[in-house]
């Protein structure tokens, strides 16, 4: 399945507890909790370009599956890591945050885990 498309956050669970655990300041959590972010994904084989727009903040990611890349955490820290793909799932670990992103038809389910706290995001394809 191809990840390419534009997706809007439809719902998320455990946002505040997860963001607090990873060190995001309370004022940032409050400002961000109701934003319906847009993720635009371009996939060409194992090469990905991802643009995430959350309010006024825009973050760009570029990576090739299986190769070292630099990704940014929610707190703005950058770290080197490797993204893996198994069928319709992308997995990565950045600064102790484990992320599994699964494409299921027009839905992307992203489950992030840090220190036993799970944050689930569900986004739907809008184009």
PDB file of N, CA and C in Angstrom:
ATOM      1  N   UNK A   1       0.843  -1.194   0.000  1.00  0.00           N
ATOM      2  CA  UNK A   1       0.000   0.000   0.000  1.00  0.00           C
ATOM      3  C   UNK A   1       0.876   1.242   0.000  1.00  0.00           C
ATOM      4  N   UNK A   2       0.448   2.238  -0.709  1.00  0.00           N
ATOM      5  CA  UNK A   2       1.213   3.484  -0.766  1.00  0.00           C
ATOM      6  C   UNK A   2       0.697   4.460   0.291  1.00  0.00           C
ATOM      7  N   UNK A   3       1.623   5.052   1.014  1.00  0.00           N
ATOM      8  CA  UNK A   3       1.281   6.022   2.047  1.00  0.00           C
ATOM      9  C   UNK A   3       0.950   7.393   1.461  1.00  0.00           C
ATOM     10  N   UNK A   4       1.315   7.643   0.200  1.00  0.00           N
ATOM     11  CA  UNK A   4       1.153   8.978  -0.376  1.00  0.00           C
ATOM     12  C   UNK A   4      -0.269   9.499  -0.216  1.00  0.00           C
ATOM     13  N   UNK A   5      -0.355  10.765   0.195  1.00  0.00           N
ATOM     14  CA  UNK A   5      -1.648  11.414   0.343  1.00  0.00           C
ATOM     15  C   UNK A   5      -1.591  12.494   1.399  1.00  0.00           C
ATOM     16  N   UNK A   6      -2.730  13.142   1.600  1.00  0.00           N
ATOM     17  CA  UNK A   6      -2.857  14.188   2.614  1.00  0.00           C
ATOM     18  C   UNK A   6      -3.854  13.674   3.647  1.00  0.00           C
ATOM     19  N   UNK A   7      -3.442  13.718   4.916  1.00  0.00           N
ATOM     20  CA  UNK A   7      -4.240  13.156   6.005  1.00  0.00           C
ATOM     21  C   UNK A   7      -4.483  14.211   7.073  1.00  0.00           C
ATOM     22  N   UNK A   8      -5.710  14.222   7.626  1.00  0.00           N
ATOM     23  CA  UNK A   8      -6.021  15.148   8.721  1.00  0.00           C
ATOM     24  C   UNK A   8      -6.283  14.345   9.988  1.00  0.00           C
ATOM     25  N   UNK A   9      -5.729  14.833  11.100  1.00  0.00           N
ATOM     26  CA  UNK A   9      -5.957  14.198  12.383  1.00  0.00           C
ATOM     27  C   UNK A   9      -7.451  14.225  12.678  1.00  0.00           C
ATOM     28  N   UNK A  10      -7.998  13.049  12.937  1.00  0.00           N
ATOM     29  CA  UNK A  10      -9.425  12.933  13.234  1.00  0.00           C
ATOM     30  C   UNK A  10      -9.663  12.819  14.742  1.00  0.00           C
ATOM     31  N   UNK A  11      -8.816  12.036  15.407  1.00  0.00           N
ATOM     32  CA  UNK A  11      -8.950  11.891  16.851  1.00  0.00           C
ATOM     33  C   UNK A  11      -7.613  11.469  17.443  1.00  0.00           C
ATOM     34  N   UNK A  12      -7.468  11.708  18.736  1.00  0.00           N
ATOM     35  CA  UNK A  12      -6.283  11.232  19.430  1.00  0.00           C
ATOM     36  C   UNK A  12      -6.632  10.944  20.880  1.00  0.00           C
ATOM     37  N   UNK A  13      -5.894   9.984  21.463  1.00  0.00           N
ATOM     38  CA  UNK A  13      -6.153   9.537  22.822  1.00  0.00           C
ATOM     39  C   UNK A  13      -4.885   9.684  23.663  1.00  0.00           C
ATOM     40  N   UNK A  14      -5.027  10.230  24.849  1.00  0.00           N
ATOM     41  CA  UNK A  14      -3.946  10.337  25.832  1.00  0.00           C
ATOM     42  C   UNK A  14      -2.889  11.380  25.455  1.00  0.00           C
ATOM     43  N   UNK A  15      -3.300  12.394  24.712  1.00  0.00           N
ATOM     44  CA  UNK A  15      -2.389  13.436  24.238  1.00  0.00           C
ATOM     45  C   UNK A  15      -1.670  14.144  25.391  1.00  0.00           C
ATOM     46  N   UNK A  16      -2.451  14.661  26.353  1.00  0.00           N
ATOM     47  CA  UNK A  16      -1.859  15.494  27.397  1.00  0.00           C
ATOM     48  C   UNK A  16      -0.869  14.719  28.269  1.00  0.00           C
ATOM     49  N   UNK A  17      -1.218  13.508  28.675  1.00  0.00           N
ATOM     50  CA  UNK A  17      -0.322  12.709  29.527  1.00  0.00           C
ATOM     51  C   UNK A  17       0.967  12.368  28.782  1.00  0.00           C
ATOM     52  N   UNK A  18       0.845  12.024  27.503  1.00  0.00           N
ATOM     53  CA  UNK A  18       2.024  11.670  26.710  1.00  0.00           C
ATOM     54  C   UNK A  18       2.941  12.877  26.535  1.00  0.00           C
ATOM     55  N   UNK A  19       2.377  14.013  26.149  1.00  0.00           N
ATOM     56  CA  UNK A  19       3.183  15.215  25.913  1.00  0.00           C
ATOM     57  C   UNK A  19       3.867  15.681  27.199  1.00  0.00           C
ATOM     58  N   UNK A  20       3.161  15.558  28.320  1.00  0.00           N
ATOM     59  CA  UNK A  20       3.754  15.928  29.611  1.00  0.00           C
ATOM     60  C   UNK A  20       4.936  14.998  29.923  1.00  0.00           C
ATOM     61  N   UNK A  21       4.761  13.695  29.629  1.00  0.00           N
ATOM     62  CA  UNK A  21       5.817  12.709  29.907  1.00  0.00           C
ATOM     63  C   UNK A  21       7.076  12.959  29.085  1.00  0.00           C
ATOM     64  N   UNK A  22       6.919  13.437  27.847  1.00  0.00           N
ATOM     65  CA  UNK A  22       8.100  13.674  27.005  1.00  0.00           C
ATOM     66  C   UNK A  22       8.722  15.051  27.243  1.00  0.00           C
ATOM     67  N   UNK A  23       8.078  15.853  28.105  1.00  0.00           N
ATOM     68  CA  UNK A  23       8.687  17.122  28.488  1.00  0.00           C
ATOM     69  C   UNK A  23       8.174  18.363  27.784  1.00  0.00           C
ATOM     70  N   UNK A  24       7.047  18.271  27.085  1.00  0.00           N
ATOM     71  CA  UNK A  24       6.477  19.463  26.450  1.00  0.00           C
ATOM     72  C   UNK A  24       5.881  20.354  27.550  1.00  0.00           C
ATOM     73  N   UNK A  25       6.183  21.647  27.532  1.00  0.00           N
ATOM     74  CA  UNK A  25       5.657  22.551  28.562  1.00  0.00           C
ATOM     75  C   UNK A  25       4.119  22.611  28.543  1.00  0.00           C
ATOM     76  N   UNK A  26       3.528  22.839  29.716  1.00  0.00           N
ATOM     77  CA  UNK A  26       2.071  22.862  29.852  1.00  0.00           C
ATOM     78  C   UNK A  26       1.399  23.846  28.900  1.00  0.00           C
ATOM     79  N   UNK A  27       2.004  25.029  28.701  1.00  0.00           N
ATOM     80  CA  UNK A  27       1.378  26.016  27.814  1.00  0.00           C
ATOM     81  C   UNK A  27       1.358  25.514  26.366  1.00  0.00           C
ATOM     82  N   UNK A  28       2.393  24.807  25.953  1.00  0.00           N
ATOM     83  CA  UNK A  28       2.424  24.233  24.596  1.00  0.00           C
ATOM     84  C   UNK A  28       1.390  23.123  24.454  1.00  0.00           C
ATOM     85  N   UNK A  29       1.243  22.309  25.488  1.00  0.00           N
ATOM     86  CA  UNK A  29       0.241  21.239  25.478  1.00  0.00           C
ATOM     87  C   UNK A  29      -1.147  21.844  25.325  1.00  0.00           C
ATOM     88  N   UNK A  30      -1.420  22.874  26.109  1.00  0.00           N
ATOM     89  CA  UNK A  30      -2.737  23.522  26.070  1.00  0.00           C
ATOM     90  C   UNK A  30      -3.031  24.105  24.683  1.00  0.00           C
ATOM     91  N   UNK A  31      -2.027  24.758  24.087  1.00  0.00           N
ATOM     92  CA  UNK A  31      -2.209  25.359  22.757  1.00  0.00           C
ATOM     93  C   UNK A  31      -2.391  24.312  21.667  1.00  0.00           C
ATOM     94  N   UNK A  32      -1.792  23.142  21.853  1.00  0.00           N
ATOM     95  CA  UNK A  32      -1.744  22.135  20.796  1.00  0.00           C
ATOM     96  C   UNK A  32      -2.838  21.084  20.858  1.00  0.00           C
ATOM     97  N   UNK A  33      -3.501  20.936  21.996  1.00  0.00           N
ATOM     98  CA  UNK A  33      -4.364  19.774  22.188  1.00  0.00           C
ATOM     99  C   UNK A  33      -5.563  19.701  21.243  1.00  0.00           C
ATOM    100  N   UNK A  34      -6.053  20.815  20.748  1.00  0.00           N
ATOM    101  CA  UNK A  34      -7.224  20.785  19.867  1.00  0.00           C
ATOM    102  C   UNK A  34      -6.894  21.025  18.398  1.00  0.00           C
ATOM    103  N   UNK A  35      -5.619  21.110  18.063  1.00  0.00           N
ATOM    104  CA  UNK A  35      -5.221  21.334  16.669  1.00  0.00           C
ATOM    105  C   UNK A  35      -5.364  20.052  15.874  1.00  0.00           C
ATOM    106  N   UNK A  36      -6.026  20.141  14.744  1.00  0.00           N
ATOM    107  CA  UNK A  36      -6.191  18.998  13.839  1.00  0.00           C
ATOM    108  C   UNK A  36      -5.095  19.084  12.777  1.00  0.00           C
ATOM    109  N   UNK A  37      -3.961  18.512  13.090  1.00  0.00           N
ATOM    110  CA  UNK A  37      -2.800  18.603  12.195  1.00  0.00           C
ATOM    111  C   UNK A  37      -3.080  17.948  10.846  1.00  0.00           C
ATOM    112  N   UNK A  38      -2.362  18.422   9.836  1.00  0.00           N
ATOM    113  CA  UNK A  38      -2.424  17.867   8.479  1.00  0.00           C
ATOM    114  C   UNK A  38      -1.057  17.281   8.163  1.00  0.00           C
ATOM    115  N   UNK A  39      -1.035  16.029   7.717  1.00  0.00           N
ATOM    116  CA  UNK A  39       0.207  15.370   7.309  1.00  0.00           C
ATOM    117  C   UNK A  39       0.123  15.084   5.817  1.00  0.00           C
ATOM    118  N   UNK A  40       1.091  15.598   5.091  1.00  0.00           N
ATOM    119  CA  UNK A  40       1.159  15.338   3.650  1.00  0.00           C
ATOM    120  C   UNK A  40       2.349  14.420   3.407  1.00  0.00           C
ATOM    121  N   UNK A  41       2.075  13.254   2.840  1.00  0.00           N
ATOM    122  CA  UNK A  41       3.101  12.229   2.657  1.00  0.00           C
ATOM    123  C   UNK A  41       3.304  11.969   1.169  1.00  0.00           C
ATOM    124  N   UNK A  42       4.573  11.982   0.761  1.00  0.00           N
ATOM    125  CA  UNK A  42       4.951  11.612  -0.606  1.00  0.00           C
ATOM    126  C   UNK A  42       5.879  10.413  -0.494  1.00  0.00           C
ATOM    127  N   UNK A  43       5.436   9.284  -1.053  1.00  0.00           N
ATOM    128  CA  UNK A  43       6.243   8.065  -1.017  1.00  0.00           C
ATOM    129  C   UNK A  43       6.633   7.684  -2.429  1.00  0.00           C
ATOM    130  N   UNK A  44       7.925   7.440  -2.609  1.00  0.00           N
ATOM    131  CA  UNK A  44       8.458   6.947  -3.878  1.00  0.00           C
ATOM    132  C   UNK A  44       9.318   5.732  -3.535  1.00  0.00           C
ATOM    133  N   UNK A  45       8.704   4.552  -3.556  1.00  0.00           N
ATOM    134  CA  UNK A  45       9.414   3.347  -3.137  1.00  0.00           C
ATOM    135  C   UNK A  45       9.725   3.424  -1.659  1.00  0.00           C
ATOM    136  N   UNK A  46      11.006   3.411  -1.311  1.00  0.00           N
ATOM    137  CA  UNK A  46      11.422   3.504   0.091  1.00  0.00           C
ATOM    138  C   UNK A  46      11.741   4.927   0.518  1.00  0.00           C
ATOM    139  N   UNK A  47      11.585   5.895  -0.375  1.00  0.00           N
ATOM    140  CA  UNK A  47      11.874   7.301  -0.066  1.00  0.00           C
ATOM    141  C   UNK A  47      10.586   8.015   0.343  1.00  0.00           C
ATOM    142  N   UNK A  48      10.653   8.715   1.472  1.00  0.00           N
ATOM    143  CA  UNK A  48       9.496   9.430   1.997  1.00  0.00           C
ATOM    144  C   UNK A  48       9.836  10.889   2.224  1.00  0.00           C
ATOM    145  N   UNK A  49       8.862  11.755   1.928  1.00  0.00           N
ATOM    146  CA  UNK A  49       8.920  13.165   2.298  1.00  0.00           C
ATOM    147  C   UNK A  49       7.598  13.439   3.004  1.00  0.00           C
ATOM    148  N   UNK A  50       7.690  13.964   4.223  1.00  0.00           N
ATOM    149  CA  UNK A  50       6.498  14.193   5.034  1.00  0.00           C
ATOM    150  C   UNK A  50       6.501  15.636   5.508  1.00  0.00           C
ATOM    151  N   UNK A  51       5.372  16.317   5.321  1.00  0.00           N
ATOM    152  CA  UNK A  51       5.181  17.667   5.822  1.00  0.00           C
ATOM    153  C   UNK A  51       4.026  17.624   6.809  1.00  0.00           C
ATOM    154  N   UNK A  52       4.286  18.026   8.049  1.00  0.00           N
ATOM    155  CA  UNK A  52       3.245  18.054   9.069  1.00  0.00           C
ATOM    156  C   UNK A  52       2.980  19.515   9.429  1.00  0.00           C
ATOM    157  N   UNK A  53       1.724  19.927   9.273  1.00  0.00           N
ATOM    158  CA  UNK A  53       1.316  21.284   9.602  1.00  0.00           C
ATOM    159  C   UNK A  53       0.362  21.217  10.785  1.00  0.00           C
ATOM    160  N   UNK A  54       0.763  21.831  11.898  1.00  0.00           N
ATOM    161  CA  UNK A  54      -0.062  21.872  13.107  1.00  0.00           C
ATOM    162  C   UNK A  54      -0.181  23.330  13.512  1.00  0.00           C
ATOM    163  N   UNK A  55      -1.287  23.939  13.133  1.00  0.00           N
ATOM    164  CA  UNK A  55      -1.438  25.373  13.377  1.00  0.00           C
ATOM    165  C   UNK A  55      -0.413  26.128  12.557  1.00  0.00           C
ATOM    166  N   UNK A  56       0.389  26.978  13.217  1.00  0.00           N
ATOM    167  CA  UNK A  56       1.409  27.760  12.515  1.00  0.00           C
ATOM    168  C   UNK A  56       2.719  26.991  12.361  1.00  0.00           C
ATOM    169  N   UNK A  57       2.844  25.847  13.034  1.00  0.00           N
ATOM    170  CA  UNK A  57       4.092  25.082  12.996  1.00  0.00           C
ATOM    171  C   UNK A  57       4.083  24.103  11.827  1.00  0.00           C
ATOM    172  N   UNK A  58       5.178  24.129  11.066  1.00  0.00           N
ATOM    173  CA  UNK A  58       5.347  23.210   9.936  1.00  0.00           C
ATOM    174  C   UNK A  58       6.666  22.467  10.131  1.00  0.00           C
ATOM    175  N   UNK A  59       6.596  21.136  10.099  1.00  0.00           N
ATOM    176  CA  UNK A  59       7.790  20.309  10.254  1.00  0.00           C
ATOM    177  C   UNK A  59       7.939  19.434   9.020  1.00  0.00           C
ATOM    178  N   UNK A  60       9.158  19.415   8.468  1.00  0.00           N
ATOM    179  CA  UNK A  60       9.440  18.615   7.280  1.00  0.00           C
ATOM    180  C   UNK A  60      10.342  17.454   7.660  1.00  0.00           C
ATOM    181  N   UNK A  61       9.989  16.277   7.174  1.00  0.00           N
ATOM    182  CA  UNK A  61      10.807  15.082   7.373  1.00  0.00           C
ATOM    183  C   UNK A  61      11.131  14.499   6.013  1.00  0.00           C
ATOM    184  N   UNK A  62      12.305  13.956   5.887  1.00  0.00           N
ATOM    185  CA  UNK A  62      12.703  13.266   4.669  1.00  0.00           C
ATOM    186  C   UNK A  62      13.534  12.069   5.099  1.00  0.00           C
ATOM    187  N   UNK A  63      13.154  10.881   4.640  1.00  0.00           N
ATOM    188  CA  UNK A  63      13.906   9.695   5.026  1.00  0.00           C
ATOM    189  C   UNK A  63      13.760   8.595   3.992  1.00  0.00           C
ATOM    190  N   UNK A  64      14.720   7.692   4.014  1.00  0.00           N
ATOM    191  CA  UNK A  64      14.692   6.483   3.194  1.00  0.00           C
ATOM    192  C   UNK A  64      14.636   5.308   4.158  1.00  0.00           C
ATOM    193  N   UNK A  65      13.666   4.432   3.955  1.00  0.00           N
ATOM    194  CA  UNK A  65      13.498   3.265   4.820  1.00  0.00           C
ATOM    195  C   UNK A  65      14.808   2.483   4.878  1.00  0.00           C
ATOM    196  N   UNK A  66      15.221   2.130   6.097  1.00  0.00           N
ATOM    197  CA  UNK A  66      16.410   1.323   6.295  1.00  0.00           C
ATOM    198  C   UNK A  66      17.712   2.087   6.333  1.00  0.00           C
ATOM    199  N   UNK A  67      17.668   3.415   6.115  1.00  0.00           N
ATOM    200  CA  UNK A  67      18.877   4.239   6.136  1.00  0.00           C
ATOM    201  C   UNK A  67      18.798   5.262   7.269  1.00  0.00           C
ATOM    202  N   UNK A  68      19.957   5.619   7.826  1.00  0.00           N
ATOM    203  CA  UNK A  68      19.987   6.591   8.912  1.00  0.00           C
ATOM    204  C   UNK A  68      19.469   7.946   8.432  1.00  0.00           C
ATOM    205  N   UNK A  69      18.675   8.578   9.292  1.00  0.00           N
ATOM    206  CA  UNK A  69      18.143   9.911   8.981  1.00  0.00           C
ATOM    207  C   UNK A  69      18.045  10.701  10.280  1.00  0.00           C
ATOM    208  N   UNK A  70      17.709  11.977  10.159  1.00  0.00           N
ATOM    209  CA  UNK A  70      17.513  12.819  11.327  1.00  0.00           C
ATOM    210  C   UNK A  70      16.041  13.209  11.394  1.00  0.00           C
ATOM    211  N   UNK A  71      15.414  12.916  12.541  1.00  0.00           N
ATOM    212  CA  UNK A  71      14.013  13.264  12.747  1.00  0.00           C
ATOM    213  C   UNK A  71      13.894  14.169  13.965  1.00  0.00           C
ATOM    214  N   UNK A  72      12.801  14.915  14.017  1.00  0.00           N
ATOM    215  CA  UNK A  72      12.559  15.859  15.104  1.00  0.00           C
ATOM    216  C   UNK A  72      11.445  15.341  16.002  1.00  0.00           C
ATOM    217  N   UNK A  73      11.634  15.466  17.318  1.00  0.00           N
ATOM    218  CA  UNK A  73      10.610  15.047  18.267  1.00  0.00           C
ATOM    219  C   UNK A  73       9.591  16.176  18.455  1.00  0.00           C
ATOM    220  N   UNK A  74       8.531  15.892  19.221  1.00  0.00           N
ATOM    221  CA  UNK A  74       7.511  16.908  19.521  1.00  0.00           C
ATOM    222  C   UNK A  74       8.098  18.095  20.270  1.00  0.00           C
ATOM    223  N   UNK A  75       9.195  17.863  20.995  1.00  0.00           N
ATOM    224  CA  UNK A  75       9.808  18.942  21.776  1.00  0.00           C
ATOM    225  C   UNK A  75      10.822  19.735  20.960  1.00  0.00           C
ATOM    226  N   UNK A  76      10.999  19.361  19.681  1.00  0.00           N
ATOM    227  CA  UNK A  76      11.916  20.087  18.813  1.00  0.00           C
ATOM    228  C   UNK A  76      13.327  19.527  18.784  1.00  0.00           C
ATOM    229  N   UNK A  77      13.606  18.502  19.593  1.00  0.00           N
ATOM    230  CA  UNK A  77      14.935  17.878  19.569  1.00  0.00           C
ATOM    231  C   UNK A  77      15.093  17.073  18.288  1.00  0.00           C
ATOM    232  N   UNK A  78      16.313  17.059  17.780  1.00  0.00           N
ATOM    233  CA  UNK A  78      16.602  16.268  16.585  1.00  0.00           C
ATOM    234  C   UNK A  78      17.492  15.104  16.979  1.00  0.00           C
ATOM    235  N   UNK A  79      17.249  13.966  16.324  1.00  0.00           N
ATOM    236  CA  UNK A  79      18.039  12.779  16.646  1.00  0.00           C
ATOM    237  C   UNK A  79      18.171  11.911  15.406  1.00  0.00           C
ATOM    238  N   UNK A  80      19.292  11.217  15.315  1.00  0.00           N
ATOM    239  CA  UNK A  80      19.515  10.282  14.213  1.00  0.00           C
ATOM    240  C   UNK A  80      18.855   8.958  14.552  1.00  0.00           C
ATOM    241  N   UNK A  81      18.241   8.339  13.550  1.00  0.00           N
ATOM    242  CA  UNK A  81      17.531   7.083  13.737  1.00  0.00           C
ATOM    243  C   UNK A  81      17.365   6.396  12.390  1.00  0.00           C
ATOM    244  N   UNK A  82      16.742   5.229  12.384  1.00  0.00           N
ATOM    245  CA  UNK A  82      16.453   4.486  11.158  1.00  0.00           C
ATOM    246  C   UNK A  82      14.978   4.107  11.181  1.00  0.00           C
ATOM    247  N   UNK A  83      14.267   4.413  10.096  1.00  0.00           N
ATOM    248  CA  UNK A  83      12.865   4.042   9.951  1.00  0.00           C
ATOM    249  C   UNK A  83      12.812   2.691   9.237  1.00  0.00           C
ATOM    250  N   UNK A  84      11.972   1.803   9.747  1.00  0.00           N
ATOM    251  CA  UNK A  84      11.807   0.472   9.148  1.00  0.00           C
ATOM    252  C   UNK A  84      10.389   0.343   8.599  1.00  0.00           C
ATOM    253  N   UNK A  85      10.234  -0.462   7.542  1.00  0.00           N
ATOM    254  CA  UNK A  85       8.919  -0.689   6.969  1.00  0.00           C
ATOM    255  C   UNK A  85       8.682  -2.184   6.854  1.00  0.00           C
ATOM    256  N   UNK A  86       7.495  -2.607   7.281  1.00  0.00           N
ATOM    257  CA  UNK A  86       7.073  -3.994   7.155  1.00  0.00           C
ATOM    258  C   UNK A  86       5.657  -3.972   6.600  1.00  0.00           C
ATOM    259  N   UNK A  87       5.539  -4.165   5.288  1.00  0.00           N
ATOM    260  CA  UNK A  87       4.227  -4.092   4.651  1.00  0.00           C
ATOM    261  C   UNK A  87       3.657  -2.693   4.738  1.00  0.00           C
ATOM    262  N   UNK A  88       2.531  -2.557   5.456  1.00  0.00           N
ATOM    263  CA  UNK A  88       1.862  -1.259   5.575  1.00  0.00           C
ATOM    264  C   UNK A  88       2.172  -0.567   6.905  1.00  0.00           C
ATOM    265  N   UNK A  89       3.288  -0.963   7.558  1.00  0.00           N
ATOM    266  CA  UNK A  89       3.678  -0.367   8.846  1.00  0.00           C
ATOM    267  C   UNK A  89       5.063   0.250   8.770  1.00  0.00           C
ATOM    268  N   UNK A  90       5.183   1.453   9.334  1.00  0.00           N
ATOM    269  CA  UNK A  90       6.468   2.119   9.522  1.00  0.00           C
ATOM    270  C   UNK A  90       6.756   2.131  11.013  1.00  0.00           C
ATOM    271  N   UNK A  91       7.974   1.759  11.394  1.00  0.00           N
ATOM    272  CA  UNK A  91       8.353   1.776  12.804  1.00  0.00           C
ATOM    273  C   UNK A  91       9.659   2.546  12.970  1.00  0.00           C
ATOM    274  N   UNK A  92       9.754   3.265  14.097  1.00  0.00           N
ATOM    275  CA  UNK A  92      10.956   4.036  14.386  1.00  0.00           C
ATOM    276  C   UNK A  92      11.007   4.304  15.893  1.00  0.00           C
ATOM    277  N   UNK A  93      12.205   4.480  16.407  1.00  0.00           N
ATOM    278  CA  UNK A  93      12.394   4.876  17.800  1.00  0.00           C
ATOM    279  C   UNK A  93      13.286   6.116  17.807  1.00  0.00           C
ATOM    280  N   UNK A  94      12.775   7.204  18.401  1.00  0.00           N
ATOM    281  CA  UNK A  94      13.516   8.464  18.471  1.00  0.00           C
ATOM    282  C   UNK A  94      13.503   8.951  19.915  1.00  0.00           C
ATOM    283  N   UNK A  95      14.688   9.092  20.502  1.00  0.00           N
ATOM    284  CA  UNK A  95      14.818   9.620  21.865  1.00  0.00           C
ATOM    285  C   UNK A  95      13.903   8.887  22.855  1.00  0.00           C
ATOM    286  N   UNK A  96      13.815   7.566  22.731  1.00  0.00           N
ATOM    287  CA  UNK A  96      13.003   6.762  23.637  1.00  0.00           C
ATOM    288  C   UNK A  96      11.533   6.686  23.292  1.00  0.00           C
ATOM    289  N   UNK A  97      11.115   7.399  22.249  1.00  0.00           N
ATOM    290  CA  UNK A  97       9.725   7.344  21.810  1.00  0.00           C
ATOM    291  C   UNK A  97       9.631   6.304  20.690  1.00  0.00           C
ATOM    292  N   UNK A  98       8.848   5.252  20.941  1.00  0.00           N
ATOM    293  CA  UNK A  98       8.631   4.234  19.919  1.00  0.00           C
ATOM    294  C   UNK A  98       7.380   4.603  19.142  1.00  0.00           C
ATOM    295  N   UNK A  99       7.481   4.560  17.816  1.00  0.00           N
ATOM    296  CA  UNK A  99       6.367   4.929  16.959  1.00  0.00           C
ATOM    297  C   UNK A  99       6.076   3.820  15.965  1.00  0.00           C
ATOM    298  N   UNK A 100       4.795   3.438  15.879  1.00  0.00           N
ATOM    299  CA  UNK A 100       4.330   2.492  14.868  1.00  0.00           C
ATOM    300  C   UNK A 100       3.223   3.201  14.100  1.00  0.00           C
ATOM    301  N   UNK A 101       3.407   3.346  12.798  1.00  0.00           N
ATOM    302  CA  UNK A 101       2.435   4.006  11.942  1.00  0.00           C
ATOM    303  C   UNK A 101       1.918   2.993  10.946  1.00  0.00           C
ATOM    304  N   UNK A 102       0.605   2.760  10.975  1.00  0.00           N
ATOM    305  CA  UNK A 102       0.009   1.740  10.112  1.00  0.00           C
ATOM    306  C   UNK A 102      -1.013   2.358   9.177  1.00  0.00           C
ATOM    307  N   UNK A 103      -0.892   2.025   7.892  1.00  0.00           N
ATOM    308  CA  UNK A 103      -1.847   2.474   6.890  1.00  0.00           C
ATOM    309  C   UNK A 103      -2.885   1.381   6.702  1.00  0.00           C
ATOM    310  N   UNK A 104      -4.156   1.765   6.836  1.00  0.00           N
ATOM    311  CA  UNK A 104      -5.249   0.825   6.664  1.00  0.00           C
ATOM    312  C   UNK A 104      -6.295   1.500   5.783  1.00  0.00           C
ATOM    313  N   UNK A 105      -6.216   1.262   4.457  1.00  0.00           N
ATOM    314  CA  UNK A 105      -7.112   1.947   3.524  1.00  0.00           C
ATOM    315  C   UNK A 105      -6.827   3.433   3.504  1.00  0.00           C
ATOM    316  N   UNK A 106      -7.817   4.240   3.884  1.00  0.00           N
ATOM    317  CA  UNK A 106      -7.657   5.698   3.918  1.00  0.00           C
ATOM    318  C   UNK A 106      -7.401   6.221   5.328  1.00  0.00           C
ATOM    319  N   UNK A 107      -7.014   5.336   6.220  1.00  0.00           N
ATOM    320  CA  UNK A 107      -6.775   5.699   7.614  1.00  0.00           C
ATOM    321  C   UNK A 107      -5.336   5.386   8.007  1.00  0.00           C
ATOM    322  N   UNK A 108      -4.727   6.328   8.711  1.00  0.00           N
ATOM    323  CA  UNK A 108      -3.410   6.085   9.297  1.00  0.00           C
ATOM    324  C   UNK A 108      -3.582   6.083  10.807  1.00  0.00           C
ATOM    325  N   UNK A 109      -3.121   5.005  11.427  1.00  0.00           N
ATOM    326  CA  UNK A 109      -3.129   4.896  12.884  1.00  0.00           C
ATOM    327  C   UNK A 109      -1.681   4.962  13.347  1.00  0.00           C
ATOM    328  N   UNK A 110      -1.397   5.930  14.203  1.00  0.00           N
ATOM    329  CA  UNK A 110      -0.038   6.126  14.720  1.00  0.00           C
ATOM    330  C   UNK A 110      -0.086   5.920  16.229  1.00  0.00           C
ATOM    331  N   UNK A 111       0.680   4.930  16.708  1.00  0.00           N
ATOM    332  CA  UNK A 111       0.743   4.656  18.136  1.00  0.00           C
ATOM    333  C   UNK A 111       2.155   4.968  18.614  1.00  0.00           C
ATOM    334  N   UNK A 112       2.244   5.904  19.551  1.00  0.00           N
ATOM    335  CA  UNK A 112       3.528   6.308  20.114  1.00  0.00           C
ATOM    336  C   UNK A 112       3.572   5.876  21.567  1.00  0.00           C
ATOM    337  N   UNK A 113       4.724   5.354  21.996  1.00  0.00           N
ATOM    338  CA  UNK A 113       4.881   4.890  23.369  1.00  0.00           C
ATOM    339  C   UNK A 113       6.163   5.482  23.950  1.00  0.00           C
ATOM    340  N   UNK A 114       6.033   6.042  25.148  1.00  0.00           N
ATOM    341  CA  UNK A 114       7.193   6.573  25.874  1.00  0.00           C
ATOM    342  C   UNK A 114       7.021   6.253  27.348  1.00  0.00           C
ATOM    343  N   UNK A 115       7.970   5.554  27.903  1.00  0.00           N
ATOM    344  CA  UNK A 115       7.974   5.254  29.331  1.00  0.00           C
ATOM    345  C   UNK A 115       6.644   4.630  29.780  1.00  0.00           C
ATOM    346  N   UNK A 116       6.096   3.743  28.949  1.00  0.00           N
ATOM    347  CA  UNK A 116       4.851   3.048  29.279  1.00  0.00           C
ATOM    348  C   UNK A 116       3.582   3.823  28.981  1.00  0.00           C
ATOM    349  N   UNK A 117       3.700   5.070  28.553  1.00  0.00           N
ATOM    350  CA  UNK A 117       2.527   5.896  28.232  1.00  0.00           C
ATOM    351  C   UNK A 117       2.276   5.820  26.737  1.00  0.00           C
ATOM    352  N   UNK A 118       1.030   5.496  26.358  1.00  0.00           N
ATOM    353  CA  UNK A 118       0.680   5.291  24.954  1.00  0.00           C
ATOM    354  C   UNK A 118      -0.187   6.449  24.465  1.00  0.00           C
ATOM    355  N   UNK A 119       0.173   6.974  23.320  1.00  0.00           N
ATOM    356  CA  UNK A 119      -0.571   8.057  22.651  1.00  0.00           C
ATOM    357  C   UNK A 119      -0.988   7.538  21.292  1.00  0.00           C
ATOM    358  N   UNK A 120      -2.285   7.550  21.015  1.00  0.00           N
ATOM    359  CA  UNK A 120      -2.811   7.029  19.754  1.00  0.00           C
ATOM    360  C   UNK A 120      -3.415   8.163  18.940  1.00  0.00           C
ATOM    361  N   UNK A 121      -3.007   8.215  17.673  1.00  0.00           N
ATOM    362  CA  UNK A 121      -3.502   9.232  16.736  1.00  0.00           C
ATOM    363  C   UNK A 121      -4.166   8.532  15.549  1.00  0.00           C
ATOM    364  N   UNK A 122      -5.338   9.000  15.143  1.00  0.00           N
ATOM    365  CA  UNK A 122      -6.020   8.449  13.966  1.00  0.00           C
ATOM    366  C   UNK A 122      -6.239   9.600  12.991  1.00  0.00           C
ATOM    367  N   UNK A 123      -5.703   9.410  11.765  1.00  0.00           N
ATOM    368  CA  UNK A 123      -5.845  10.426  10.713  1.00  0.00           C
ATOM    369  C   UNK A 123      -6.522   9.803   9.505  1.00  0.00           C
ATOM    370  N   UNK A 124      -7.331  10.594   8.814  1.00  0.00           N
ATOM    371  CA  UNK A 124      -8.035  10.130   7.614  1.00  0.00           C
ATOM    372  C   UNK A 124      -7.528  10.880   6.383  1.00  0.00           C
ATOM    373  N   UNK A 125      -7.464  10.149   5.263  1.00  0.00           N
ATOM    374  CA  UNK A 125      -7.043  10.746   3.994  1.00  0.00           C
ATOM    375  C   UNK A 125      -8.069  11.785   3.562  1.00  0.00           C
ATOM    376  N   UNK A 126      -7.584  12.982   3.211  1.00  0.00           N
ATOM    377  CA  UNK A 126      -8.484  14.027   2.716  1.00  0.00           C
ATOM    378  C   UNK A 126      -8.192  14.340   1.249  1.00  0.00           C
ATOM    379  N   UNK A 127      -7.080  13.814   0.723  1.00  0.00           N
ATOM    380  CA  UNK A 127      -6.793  13.927  -0.725  1.00  0.00           C
ATOM    381  C   UNK A 127      -5.623  13.055  -1.077  1.00  0.00           C
TER     382      UNK A 127
END
